[in-house]
Full PDB file with SEQRES, HELIX, SHEET, SSBOND, CRYST1, ORIGX, SCALE, CONECT and MASTER records, all heavy atoms in Angstrom:
SEQRES   1 A   31  ARG VAL SER ALA GLY ARG ALA GLU GLY ALA VAL VAL VAL          
SEQRES   2 A   31  PHE ILE ASP LEU ASN GLY PHE LYS ALA ILE ASN ASP THR          
SEQRES   3 A   31  TYR GLY HIS THR ALA                                          
HELIX    1 AA1 PHE A   20  TYR A   27  1                                   8    
CRYST1    1.000    1.000    1.000  90.00  90.00  90.00 P 1           1          
ORIGX1      1.000000  0.000000  0.000000        0.00000                         
ORIGX2      0.000000  1.000000  0.000000        0.00000                         
ORIGX3      0.000000  0.000000  1.000000        0.00000                         
SCALE1      1.000000  0.000000  0.000000        0.00000                         
SCALE2      0.000000  1.000000  0.000000        0.00000                         
SCALE3      0.000000  0.000000  1.000000        0.00000                         
ATOM      1  N   ARG A   1       0.831  -1.204   0.000  1.00  0.00           N  
ATOM      2  CA  ARG A   1       0.000   0.000   0.000  1.00  0.00           C  
ATOM      3  C   ARG A   1       0.865   1.253   0.000  1.00  0.00           C  
ATOM      4  O   ARG A   1       0.520   2.265  -0.624  1.00  0.00           O  
ATOM      5  CB  ARG A   1      -0.940  -0.013   1.207  1.00  0.00           C  
ATOM      6  CG  ARG A   1      -2.048  -1.056   1.069  1.00  0.00           C  
ATOM      7  CD  ARG A   1      -3.126  -0.925   2.130  1.00  0.00           C  
ATOM      8  NE  ARG A   1      -2.652  -1.363   3.441  1.00  0.00           N  
ATOM      9  CZ  ARG A   1      -2.524  -0.585   4.494  1.00  0.00           C  
ATOM     10  NH1 ARG A   1      -2.820   0.710   4.394  1.00  0.00           N  
ATOM     11  NH2 ARG A   1      -2.100  -1.066   5.635  1.00  0.00           N  
ATOM     12  N   VAL A   2       1.995   1.206   0.710  1.00  0.00           N  
ATOM     13  CA  VAL A   2       2.905   2.355   0.722  1.00  0.00           C  
ATOM     14  C   VAL A   2       3.492   2.565  -0.666  1.00  0.00           C  
ATOM     15  O   VAL A   2       3.570   3.697  -1.181  1.00  0.00           O  
ATOM     16  CB  VAL A   2       4.025   2.140   1.755  1.00  0.00           C  
ATOM     17  CG1 VAL A   2       5.086   3.232   1.635  1.00  0.00           C  
ATOM     18  CG2 VAL A   2       3.439   2.152   3.167  1.00  0.00           C  
ATOM     19  N   SER A   3       3.914   1.478  -1.307  1.00  0.00           N  
ATOM     20  CA  SER A   3       4.504   1.571  -2.645  1.00  0.00           C  
ATOM     21  C   SER A   3       3.514   2.129  -3.659  1.00  0.00           C  
ATOM     22  O   SER A   3       3.882   2.879  -4.558  1.00  0.00           O  
ATOM     23  CB  SER A   3       4.991   0.190  -3.084  1.00  0.00           C  
ATOM     24  OG  SER A   3       5.516   0.229  -4.396  1.00  0.00           O  
ATOM     25  N   ALA A   4       2.224   1.771  -3.474  1.00  0.00           N  
ATOM     26  CA  ALA A   4       1.189   2.249  -4.401  1.00  0.00           C  
ATOM     27  C   ALA A   4       0.677   3.629  -4.020  1.00  0.00           C  
ATOM     28  O   ALA A   4      -0.199   4.175  -4.715  1.00  0.00           O  
ATOM     29  CB  ALA A   4       0.034   1.251  -4.432  1.00  0.00           C  
ATOM     30  N   GLY A   5       1.186   4.217  -2.935  1.00  0.00           N  
ATOM     31  CA  GLY A   5       0.748   5.540  -2.519  1.00  0.00           C  
ATOM     32  C   GLY A   5      -0.562   5.555  -1.769  1.00  0.00           C  
ATOM     33  O   GLY A   5      -1.151   6.627  -1.557  1.00  0.00           O  
ATOM     34  N   ARG A   6      -1.023   4.365  -1.330  1.00  0.00           N  
ATOM     35  CA  ARG A   6      -2.303   4.311  -0.603  1.00  0.00           C  
ATOM     36  C   ARG A   6      -2.113   4.376   0.911  1.00  0.00           C  
ATOM     37  O   ARG A   6      -3.079   4.349   1.655  1.00  0.00           O  
ATOM     38  CB  ARG A   6      -3.059   3.030  -0.965  1.00  0.00           C  
ATOM     39  CG  ARG A   6      -3.467   2.955  -2.436  1.00  0.00           C  
ATOM     40  CD  ARG A   6      -4.508   1.867  -2.656  1.00  0.00           C  
ATOM     41  NE  ARG A   6      -4.039   0.578  -2.175  1.00  0.00           N  
ATOM     42  CZ  ARG A   6      -3.348  -0.302  -2.909  1.00  0.00           C  
ATOM     43  NH1 ARG A   6      -2.997   0.027  -4.158  1.00  0.00           N  
ATOM     44  NH2 ARG A   6      -2.977  -1.457  -2.414  1.00  0.00           N  
ATOM     45  N   ALA A   7      -0.884   4.451   1.369  1.00  0.00           N  
ATOM     46  CA  ALA A   7      -0.587   4.614   2.792  1.00  0.00           C  
ATOM     47  C   ALA A   7       0.504   5.656   2.942  1.00  0.00           C  
ATOM     48  O   ALA A   7       1.368   5.827   2.056  1.00  0.00           O  
ATOM     49  CB  ALA A   7      -0.155   3.283   3.409  1.00  0.00           C  
ATOM     50  N   GLU A   8       0.488   6.380   4.068  1.00  0.00           N  
ATOM     51  CA  GLU A   8       1.410   7.513   4.257  1.00  0.00           C  
ATOM     52  C   GLU A   8       2.843   7.074   4.502  1.00  0.00           C  
ATOM     53  O   GLU A   8       3.768   7.869   4.395  1.00  0.00           O  
ATOM     54  CB  GLU A   8       0.949   8.364   5.435  1.00  0.00           C  
ATOM     55  CG  GLU A   8      -0.369   9.072   5.219  1.00  0.00           C  
ATOM     56  CD  GLU A   8      -0.720   9.949   6.411  1.00  0.00           C  
ATOM     57  OE1 GLU A   8      -1.276   9.437   7.396  1.00  0.00           O  
ATOM     58  OE2 GLU A   8      -0.395  11.155   6.346  1.00  0.00           O  
ATOM     59  N   GLY A   9       3.050   5.838   4.840  1.00  0.00           N  
ATOM     60  CA  GLY A   9       4.383   5.351   5.138  1.00  0.00           C  
ATOM     61  C   GLY A   9       4.317   4.289   6.213  1.00  0.00           C  
ATOM     62  O   GLY A   9       3.242   3.924   6.701  1.00  0.00           O  
ATOM     63  N   ALA A  10       5.493   3.778   6.581  1.00  0.00           N  
ATOM     64  CA  ALA A  10       5.547   2.728   7.598  1.00  0.00           C  
ATOM     65  C   ALA A  10       6.821   2.869   8.415  1.00  0.00           C  
ATOM     66  O   ALA A  10       7.869   3.308   7.910  1.00  0.00           O  
ATOM     67  CB  ALA A  10       5.475   1.347   6.947  1.00  0.00           C  
ATOM     68  N   VAL A  11       6.721   2.506   9.688  1.00  0.00           N  
ATOM     69  CA  VAL A  11       7.863   2.475  10.596  1.00  0.00           C  
ATOM     70  C   VAL A  11       7.934   1.067  11.180  1.00  0.00           C  
ATOM     71  O   VAL A  11       6.928   0.549  11.703  1.00  0.00           O  
ATOM     72  CB  VAL A  11       7.725   3.512  11.728  1.00  0.00           C  
ATOM     73  CG1 VAL A  11       8.907   3.414  12.684  1.00  0.00           C  
ATOM     74  CG2 VAL A  11       7.593   4.911  11.167  1.00  0.00           C  
ATOM     75  N   VAL A  12       9.096   0.433  11.063  1.00  0.00           N  
ATOM     76  CA  VAL A  12       9.305  -0.890  11.648  1.00  0.00           C  
ATOM     77  C   VAL A  12      10.283  -0.738  12.807  1.00  0.00           C  
ATOM     78  O   VAL A  12      11.356  -0.116  12.646  1.00  0.00           O  
ATOM     79  CB  VAL A  12       9.848  -1.881  10.605  1.00  0.00           C  
ATOM     80  CG1 VAL A  12      10.178  -3.217  11.271  1.00  0.00           C  
ATOM     81  CG2 VAL A  12       8.842  -2.089   9.494  1.00  0.00           C  
ATOM     82  N   VAL A  13       9.915  -1.282  13.958  1.00  0.00           N  
ATOM     83  CA  VAL A  13      10.734  -1.169  15.163  1.00  0.00           C  
ATOM     84  C   VAL A  13      11.144  -2.577  15.588  1.00  0.00           C  
ATOM     85  O   VAL A  13      10.295  -3.438  15.831  1.00  0.00           O  
ATOM     86  CB  VAL A  13       9.963  -0.484  16.307  1.00  0.00           C  
ATOM     87  CG1 VAL A  13      10.898  -0.193  17.463  1.00  0.00           C  
ATOM     88  CG2 VAL A  13       9.275   0.785  15.819  1.00  0.00           C  
ATOM     89  N   PHE A  14      12.448  -2.813  15.662  1.00  0.00           N  
ATOM     90  CA  PHE A  14      12.973  -4.109  16.109  1.00  0.00           C  
ATOM     91  C   PHE A  14      13.395  -3.965  17.569  1.00  0.00           C  
ATOM     92  O   PHE A  14      14.160  -3.041  17.908  1.00  0.00           O  
ATOM     93  CB  PHE A  14      14.162  -4.511  15.249  1.00  0.00           C  
ATOM     94  CG  PHE A  14      14.228  -5.972  14.946  1.00  0.00           C  
ATOM     95  CD1 PHE A  14      13.861  -6.482  13.716  1.00  0.00           C  
ATOM     96  CD2 PHE A  14      14.663  -6.859  15.924  1.00  0.00           C  
ATOM     97  CE1 PHE A  14      13.921  -7.833  13.447  1.00  0.00           C  
ATOM     98  CE2 PHE A  14      14.722  -8.211  15.672  1.00  0.00           C  
ATOM     99  CZ  PHE A  14      14.346  -8.707  14.427  1.00  0.00           C  
ATOM    100  N   ILE A  15      12.942  -4.837  18.433  1.00  0.00           N  
ATOM    101  CA  ILE A  15      13.186  -4.731  19.880  1.00  0.00           C  
ATOM    102  C   ILE A  15      13.792  -6.042  20.367  1.00  0.00           C  
ATOM    103  O   ILE A  15      13.215  -7.119  20.157  1.00  0.00           O  
ATOM    104  CB  ILE A  15      11.877  -4.456  20.637  1.00  0.00           C  
ATOM    105  CG1 ILE A  15      11.189  -3.211  20.063  1.00  0.00           C  
ATOM    106  CG2 ILE A  15      12.118  -4.321  22.122  1.00  0.00           C  
ATOM    107  CD1 ILE A  15       9.691  -3.201  20.230  1.00  0.00           C  
ATOM    108  N   ASP A  16      14.940  -5.969  20.995  1.00  0.00           N  
ATOM    109  CA  ASP A  16      15.621  -7.165  21.508  1.00  0.00           C  
ATOM    110  C   ASP A  16      16.007  -6.913  22.969  1.00  0.00           C  
ATOM    111  O   ASP A  16      16.694  -5.928  23.274  1.00  0.00           O  
ATOM    112  CB  ASP A  16      16.865  -7.471  20.677  1.00  0.00           C  
ATOM    113  CG  ASP A  16      17.523  -8.773  21.085  1.00  0.00           C  
ATOM    114  OD1 ASP A  16      18.397  -8.737  21.982  1.00  0.00           O  
ATOM    115  OD2 ASP A  16      17.176  -9.824  20.519  1.00  0.00           O  
ATOM    116  N   LEU A  17      15.563  -7.781  23.870  1.00  0.00           N  
ATOM    117  CA  LEU A  17      15.809  -7.575  25.303  1.00  0.00           C  
ATOM    118  C   LEU A  17      17.290  -7.734  25.629  1.00  0.00           C  
ATOM    119  O   LEU A  17      17.971  -8.611  25.076  1.00  0.00           O  
ATOM    120  CB  LEU A  17      14.996  -8.573  26.132  1.00  0.00           C  
ATOM    121  CG  LEU A  17      13.475  -8.581  25.907  1.00  0.00           C  
ATOM    122  CD1 LEU A  17      12.791  -9.513  26.903  1.00  0.00           C  
ATOM    123  CD2 LEU A  17      12.896  -7.171  26.028  1.00  0.00           C  
ATOM    124  N   ASN A  18      17.770  -6.902  26.554  1.00  0.00           N  
ATOM    125  CA  ASN A  18      19.150  -7.001  27.025  1.00  0.00           C  
ATOM    126  C   ASN A  18      19.229  -7.939  28.228  1.00  0.00           C  
ATOM    127  O   ASN A  18      18.410  -7.859  29.147  1.00  0.00           O  
ATOM    128  CB  ASN A  18      19.682  -5.624  27.443  1.00  0.00           C  
ATOM    129  CG  ASN A  18      19.752  -4.665  26.264  1.00  0.00           C  
ATOM    130  OD1 ASN A  18      19.791  -5.081  25.108  1.00  0.00           O  
ATOM    131  ND2 ASN A  18      19.775  -3.365  26.566  1.00  0.00           N  
ATOM    132  N   GLY A  19      20.199  -8.824  28.210  1.00  0.00           N  
ATOM    133  CA  GLY A  19      20.437  -9.669  29.381  1.00  0.00           C  
ATOM    134  C   GLY A  19      19.362 -10.696  29.662  1.00  0.00           C  
ATOM    135  O   GLY A  19      19.227 -11.140  30.806  1.00  0.00           O  
ATOM    136  N   PHE A  20      18.632 -11.114  28.634  1.00  0.00           N  
ATOM    137  CA  PHE A  20      17.550 -12.065  28.902  1.00  0.00           C  
ATOM    138  C   PHE A  20      18.085 -13.426  29.349  1.00  0.00           C  
ATOM    139  O   PHE A  20      17.501 -14.073  30.213  1.00  0.00           O  
ATOM    140  CB  PHE A  20      16.687 -12.227  27.645  1.00  0.00           C  
ATOM    141  CG  PHE A  20      15.534 -13.179  27.821  1.00  0.00           C  
ATOM    142  CD1 PHE A  20      14.456 -12.847  28.627  1.00  0.00           C  
ATOM    143  CD2 PHE A  20      15.542 -14.424  27.204  1.00  0.00           C  
ATOM    144  CE1 PHE A  20      13.409 -13.728  28.801  1.00  0.00           C  
ATOM    145  CE2 PHE A  20      14.497 -15.313  27.370  1.00  0.00           C  
ATOM    146  CZ  PHE A  20      13.418 -14.962  28.168  1.00  0.00           C  
ATOM    147  N   LYS A  21      19.204 -13.853  28.797  1.00  0.00           N  
ATOM    148  CA  LYS A  21      19.770 -15.150  29.204  1.00  0.00           C  
ATOM    149  C   LYS A  21      20.140 -15.149  30.682  1.00  0.00           C  
ATOM    150  O   LYS A  21      19.927 -16.130  31.401  1.00  0.00           O  
ATOM    151  CB  LYS A  21      21.002 -15.459  28.357  1.00  0.00           C  
ATOM    152  CG  LYS A  21      21.620 -16.833  28.658  1.00  0.00           C  
ATOM    153  CD  LYS A  21      22.815 -17.092  27.767  1.00  0.00           C  
ATOM    154  CE  LYS A  21      23.395 -18.493  28.025  1.00  0.00           C  
ATOM    155  NZ  LYS A  21      23.804 -18.683  29.417  1.00  0.00           N  
ATOM    156  N   ALA A  22      20.667 -14.028  31.150  1.00  0.00           N  
ATOM    157  CA  ALA A  22      21.029 -13.946  32.571  1.00  0.00           C  
ATOM    158  C   ALA A  22      19.791 -14.049  33.455  1.00  0.00           C  
ATOM    159  O   ALA A  22      19.828 -14.656  34.533  1.00  0.00           O  
ATOM    160  CB  ALA A  22      21.766 -12.631  32.835  1.00  0.00           C  
ATOM    161  N   ILE A  23      18.702 -13.451  33.007  1.00  0.00           N  
ATOM    162  CA  ILE A  23      17.450 -13.551  33.781  1.00  0.00           C  
ATOM    163  C   ILE A  23      16.972 -15.003  33.825  1.00  0.00           C  
ATOM    164  O   ILE A  23      16.555 -15.515  34.869  1.00  0.00           O  
ATOM    165  CB  ILE A  23      16.374 -12.637  33.164  1.00  0.00           C  
ATOM    166  CG1 ILE A  23      16.784 -11.173  33.328  1.00  0.00           C  
ATOM    167  CG2 ILE A  23      15.012 -12.891  33.809  1.00  0.00           C  
ATOM    168  CD1 ILE A  23      15.900 -10.204  32.585  1.00  0.00           C  
ATOM    169  N   ASN A  24      17.056 -15.681  32.684  1.00  0.00           N  
ATOM    170  CA  ASN A  24      16.684 -17.101  32.650  1.00  0.00           C  
ATOM    171  C   ASN A  24      17.552 -17.916  33.598  1.00  0.00           C  
ATOM    172  O   ASN A  24      17.069 -18.779  34.326  1.00  0.00           O  
ATOM    173  CB  ASN A  24      16.833 -17.645  31.224  1.00  0.00           C  
ATOM    174  CG  ASN A  24      15.506 -17.734  30.502  1.00  0.00           C  
ATOM    175  OD1 ASN A  24      14.447 -17.730  31.115  1.00  0.00           O  
ATOM    176  ND2 ASN A  24      15.558 -17.816  29.184  1.00  0.00           N  
ATOM    177  N   ASP A  25      18.847 -17.660  33.559  1.00  0.00           N  
ATOM    178  CA  ASP A  25      19.782 -18.416  34.395  1.00  0.00           C  
ATOM    179  C   ASP A  25      19.580 -18.126  35.874  1.00  0.00           C  
ATOM    180  O   ASP A  25      19.753 -19.010  36.728  1.00  0.00           O  
ATOM    181  CB  ASP A  25      21.235 -18.091  34.006  1.00  0.00           C  
ATOM    182  CG  ASP A  25      21.584 -18.587  32.608  1.00  0.00           C  
ATOM    183  OD1 ASP A  25      20.849 -19.462  32.098  1.00  0.00           O  
ATOM    184  OD2 ASP A  25      22.562 -18.079  32.022  1.00  0.00           O  
ATOM    185  N   THR A  26      19.222 -16.883  36.202  1.00  0.00           N  
ATOM    186  CA  THR A  26      19.078 -16.490  37.611  1.00  0.00           C  
ATOM    187  C   THR A  26      17.733 -16.926  38.203  1.00  0.00           C  
ATOM    188  O   THR A  26      17.675 -17.482  39.312  1.00  0.00           O  
ATOM    189  CB  THR A  26      19.222 -14.962  37.747  1.00  0.00           C  
ATOM    190  OG1 THR A  26      20.488 -14.563  37.218  1.00  0.00           O  
ATOM    191  CG2 THR A  26      19.114 -14.534  39.212  1.00  0.00           C  
ATOM    192  N   TYR A  27      16.671 -16.678  37.468  1.00  0.00           N  
ATOM    193  CA  TYR A  27      15.333 -16.899  38.023  1.00  0.00           C  
ATOM    194  C   TYR A  27      14.625 -18.142  37.470  1.00  0.00           C  
ATOM    195  O   TYR A  27      13.573 -18.531  37.984  1.00  0.00           O  
ATOM    196  CB  TYR A  27      14.450 -15.676  37.765  1.00  0.00           C  
ATOM    197  CG  TYR A  27      14.995 -14.407  38.381  1.00  0.00           C  
ATOM    198  CD1 TYR A  27      15.619 -13.439  37.597  1.00  0.00           C  
ATOM    199  CD2 TYR A  27      14.886 -14.188  39.749  1.00  0.00           C  
ATOM    200  CE1 TYR A  27      16.121 -12.281  38.155  1.00  0.00           C  
ATOM    201  CE2 TYR A  27      15.390 -13.023  40.317  1.00  0.00           C  
ATOM    202  CZ  TYR A  27      16.011 -12.077  39.517  1.00  0.00           C  
ATOM    203  OH  TYR A  27      16.507 -10.933  40.088  1.00  0.00           O  
ATOM    204  N   GLY A  28      15.185 -18.721  36.418  1.00  0.00           N  
ATOM    205  CA  GLY A  28      14.568 -19.911  35.843  1.00  0.00           C  
ATOM    206  C   GLY A  28      13.761 -19.593  34.594  1.00  0.00           C  
ATOM    207  O   GLY A  28      13.378 -18.440  34.340  1.00  0.00           O  
ATOM    208  N   HIS A  29      13.519 -20.648  33.802  1.00  0.00           N  
ATOM    209  CA  HIS A  29      12.835 -20.449  32.520  1.00  0.00           C  
ATOM    210  C   HIS A  29      11.369 -20.046  32.704  1.00  0.00           C  
ATOM    211  O   HIS A  29      10.804 -19.357  31.851  1.00  0.00           O  
ATOM    212  CB  HIS A  29      12.930 -21.724  31.684  1.00  0.00           C  
ATOM    213  CG  HIS A  29      14.310 -21.977  31.163  1.00  0.00           C  
ATOM    214  ND1 HIS A  29      14.840 -21.315  30.081  1.00  0.00           N  
ATOM    215  CD2 HIS A  29      15.304 -22.802  31.613  1.00  0.00           C  
ATOM    216  CE1 HIS A  29      16.073 -21.725  29.855  1.00  0.00           C  
ATOM    217  NE2 HIS A  29      16.397 -22.631  30.773  1.00  0.00           N  
ATOM    218  N   THR A  30      10.753 -20.470  33.803  1.00  0.00           N  
ATOM    219  CA  THR A  30       9.359 -20.065  34.041  1.00  0.00           C  
ATOM    220  C   THR A  30       9.275 -18.555  34.204  1.00  0.00           C  
ATOM    221  O   THR A  30       8.376 -17.894  33.656  1.00  0.00           O  
ATOM    222  CB  THR A  30       8.800 -20.765  35.285  1.00  0.00           C  
ATOM    223  OG1 THR A  30       8.852 -22.174  35.086  1.00  0.00           O  
ATOM    224  CG2 THR A  30       7.360 -20.327  35.544  1.00  0.00           C  
ATOM    225  N   ALA A  31      10.223 -17.992  34.964  1.00  0.00           N  
ATOM    226  CA  ALA A  31      10.255 -16.537  35.135  1.00  0.00           C  
ATOM    227  C   ALA A  31      10.570 -15.861  33.806  1.00  0.00           C  
ATOM    228  O   ALA A  31      10.024 -14.792  33.488  1.00  0.00           O  
ATOM    229  CB  ALA A  31      11.295 -16.161  36.181  1.00  0.00           C  
TER     230      ALA A  31                                                      
MASTER        0    0    0    1    0    0    0    6  229    1    0    3          
END                                                                             
């Protein structure tokens, strides 16, 4: 739709958690 001019544009946001492995190791996979 953006390419055809039927939408004003698009923003893509990539989000990756910091230190997630440490949280898993400290509190467990359930946490």
